[in-house]
C-alpha atoms as a PDB file:
ATOM      1  CA  MET A   1      78.667  94.543 126.590  1.00  0.00           C
ATOM      2  CA  ASN A   2      79.456  90.840 126.899  1.00  0.00           C
ATOM      3  CA  ASP A   3      82.651  88.911 126.753  1.00  0.00           C
ATOM      4  CA  THR A   4      83.139  88.217 122.991  1.00  0.00           C
ATOM      5  CA  ASN A   5      83.052  92.236 123.026  1.00  0.00           C
ATOM      6  CA  ASN A   6      85.135  92.768 125.873  1.00  0.00           C
ATOM      7  CA  ARG A   7      87.383  90.149 124.250  1.00  0.00           C
ATOM      8  CA  TYR A   8      87.663  92.023 120.765  1.00  0.00           C
ATOM      9  CA  ILE A   9      87.803  95.296 121.940  1.00  0.00           C
ATOM     10  CA  ALA A  10      90.510  94.017 123.958  1.00  0.00           C
ATOM     11  CA  GLY A  11      92.199  92.273 121.172  1.00  0.00           C
ATOM     12  CA  PHE A  12      91.743  95.620 119.009  1.00  0.00           C
ATOM     13  CA  ASN A  13      93.610  97.564 121.713  1.00  0.00           C
ATOM     14  CA  VAL A  14      96.375  95.471 122.423  1.00  0.00           C
ATOM     15  CA  GLY A  15      96.385  95.040 118.394  1.00  0.00           C
ATOM     16  CA  TYR A  16      96.524  99.039 117.554  1.00  0.00           C
ATOM     17  CA  LEU A  17      99.302  99.895 120.871  1.00  0.00           C
ATOM     18  CA  MET A  18     101.489  96.690 119.283  1.00  0.00           C
ATOM     19  CA  ALA A  19     101.482  97.996 115.833  1.00  0.00           C
ATOM     20  CA  LYS A  20     102.161 101.931 116.562  1.00  0.00           C
ATOM     21  CA  TYR A  21     105.120 100.703 119.043  1.00  0.00           C
ATOM     22  CA  CYS A  22     106.409  97.004 118.024  1.00  0.00           C
ATOM     23  CA  PRO A  23     105.107  96.369 114.112  1.00  0.00           C
ATOM     24  CA  LYS A  24     107.273  93.239 113.316  1.00  0.00           C
ATOM     25  CA  VAL A  25     105.814  91.908 116.450  1.00  0.00           C
ATOM     26  CA  VAL A  26     102.547  92.066 116.107  1.00  0.00           C
ATOM     27  CA  GLU A  27     103.066  91.279 112.152  1.00  0.00           C
ATOM     28  CA  ARG A  28     104.309  87.835 113.301  1.00  0.00           C
ATOM     29  CA  LEU A  29     101.743  87.025 115.915  1.00  0.00           C
ATOM     30  CA  THR A  30      99.196  87.260 113.563  1.00  0.00           C
ATOM     31  CA  ALA A  31     100.026  85.887 110.856  1.00  0.00           C
ATOM     32  CA  GLY A  32     101.220  83.292 112.784  1.00  0.00           C
ATOM     33  CA  ILE A  33      97.827  82.135 114.639  1.00  0.00           C
ATOM     34  CA  ARG A  34      95.335  79.866 111.642  1.00  0.00           C
ATOM     35  CA  GLN A  35      92.425  79.735 114.256  1.00  0.00           C
ATOM     36  CA  THR A  36      89.964  82.679 114.716  1.00  0.00           C
ATOM     37  CA  PHE A  37      88.793  83.515 117.905  1.00  0.00           C
ATOM     38  CA  ASP A  38      87.480  86.917 119.367  1.00  0.00           C
ATOM     39  CA  PHE A  39      90.604  88.894 120.873  1.00  0.00           C
ATOM     40  CA  LEU A  40      92.653  87.742 117.628  1.00  0.00           C
ATOM     41  CA  GLU A  41      89.939  89.019 115.395  1.00  0.00           C
ATOM     42  CA  GLY A  42      90.132  92.239 117.251  1.00  0.00           C
ATOM     43  CA  MET A  43      93.826  92.420 117.149  1.00  0.00           C
ATOM     44  CA  LYS A  44      93.821  92.199 113.446  1.00  0.00           C
ATOM     45  CA  ALA A  45      91.586  95.090 113.588  1.00  0.00           C
ATOM     46  CA  GLY A  46      93.274  97.194 115.975  1.00  0.00           C
ATOM     47  CA  GLN A  47      96.884  96.481 113.173  1.00  0.00           C
ATOM     48  CA  GLN A  48      94.512  97.145 110.854  1.00  0.00           C
ATOM     49  CA  GLN A  49      93.202 100.297 111.803  1.00  0.00           C
ATOM     50  CA  TYR A  50      96.452 101.893 112.715  1.00  0.00           C
ATOM     51  CA  GLU A  51      98.037 100.878 109.531  1.00  0.00           C
ATOM     52  CA  GLN A  52      95.571 103.066 107.907  1.00  0.00           C
ATOM     53  CA  GLU A  53      95.528 105.677 110.276  1.00  0.00           C
ATOM     54  CA  LEU A  54      99.453 106.266 109.451  1.00  0.00           C
ATOM     55  CA  ALA A  55      99.178 106.430 105.679  1.00  0.00           C
ATOM     56  CA  GLN A  56      96.485 109.396 105.955  1.00  0.00           C
ATOM     57  CA  GLU A  57      99.109 110.547 108.186  1.00  0.00           C
ATOM     58  CA  MET A  58     101.851 110.055 105.463  1.00  0.00           C
ATOM     59  CA  ASP A  59      99.713 110.950 102.893  1.00  0.00           C
ATOM     60  CA  GLU A  60      98.727 114.244 104.521  1.00  0.00           C
ATOM     61  CA  ILE A  61     102.427 114.729 105.347  1.00  0.00           C
ATOM     62  CA  ALA A  62     103.451 114.496 101.631  1.00  0.00           C
ATOM     63  CA  ARG A  63     101.006 117.266 100.159  1.00  0.00           C
ATOM     64  CA  ILE A  64     101.889 119.431 102.682  1.00  0.00           C
ATOM     65  CA  ARG A  65     105.575 119.155 101.797  1.00  0.00           C
ATOM     66  CA  ASN A  66     104.580 118.908  97.905  1.00  0.00           C
ATOM     67  CA  SER A  67     102.580 122.195  98.221  1.00  0.00           C
ATOM     68  CA  SER A  68     105.540 123.689 100.214  1.00  0.00           C
ATOM     69  CA  LYS A  69     107.805 123.117  97.228  1.00  0.00           C
ATOM     70  CA  ASP A  70     105.162 124.726  95.570  1.00  0.00           C
ATOM     71  CA  LEU A  71     105.163 127.763  97.034  1.00  0.00           C
ATOM     72  CA  HIS A  72     108.849 127.920  96.719  1.00  0.00           C
ATOM     73  CA  ARG A  73     109.101 127.968  93.639  1.00  0.00           C
ATOM     74  CA  ASP A  74     106.567 130.756  92.843  1.00  0.00           C
ATOM     75  CA  ILE A  75     108.527 133.097  95.290  1.00  0.00           C
ATOM     76  CA  ASP A  76     111.825 132.207  93.027  1.00  0.00           C
END
């Protein structure tokens, strides 16, 4: 891999983990920097990936809860 890909991948991993464990920090970092470079682009992509996965998990939890409520109504 070339240096550009390595920096992007490193940024992606950092962005993903920061979005998971310290989302306010990564939000401030990505919002506050106007210049673009490989690491930052990867960081933003990692943050977006985590947020997308989290939204999917929350949708799945809501779906399970709703189906569970439907089962309880059928039993009553």
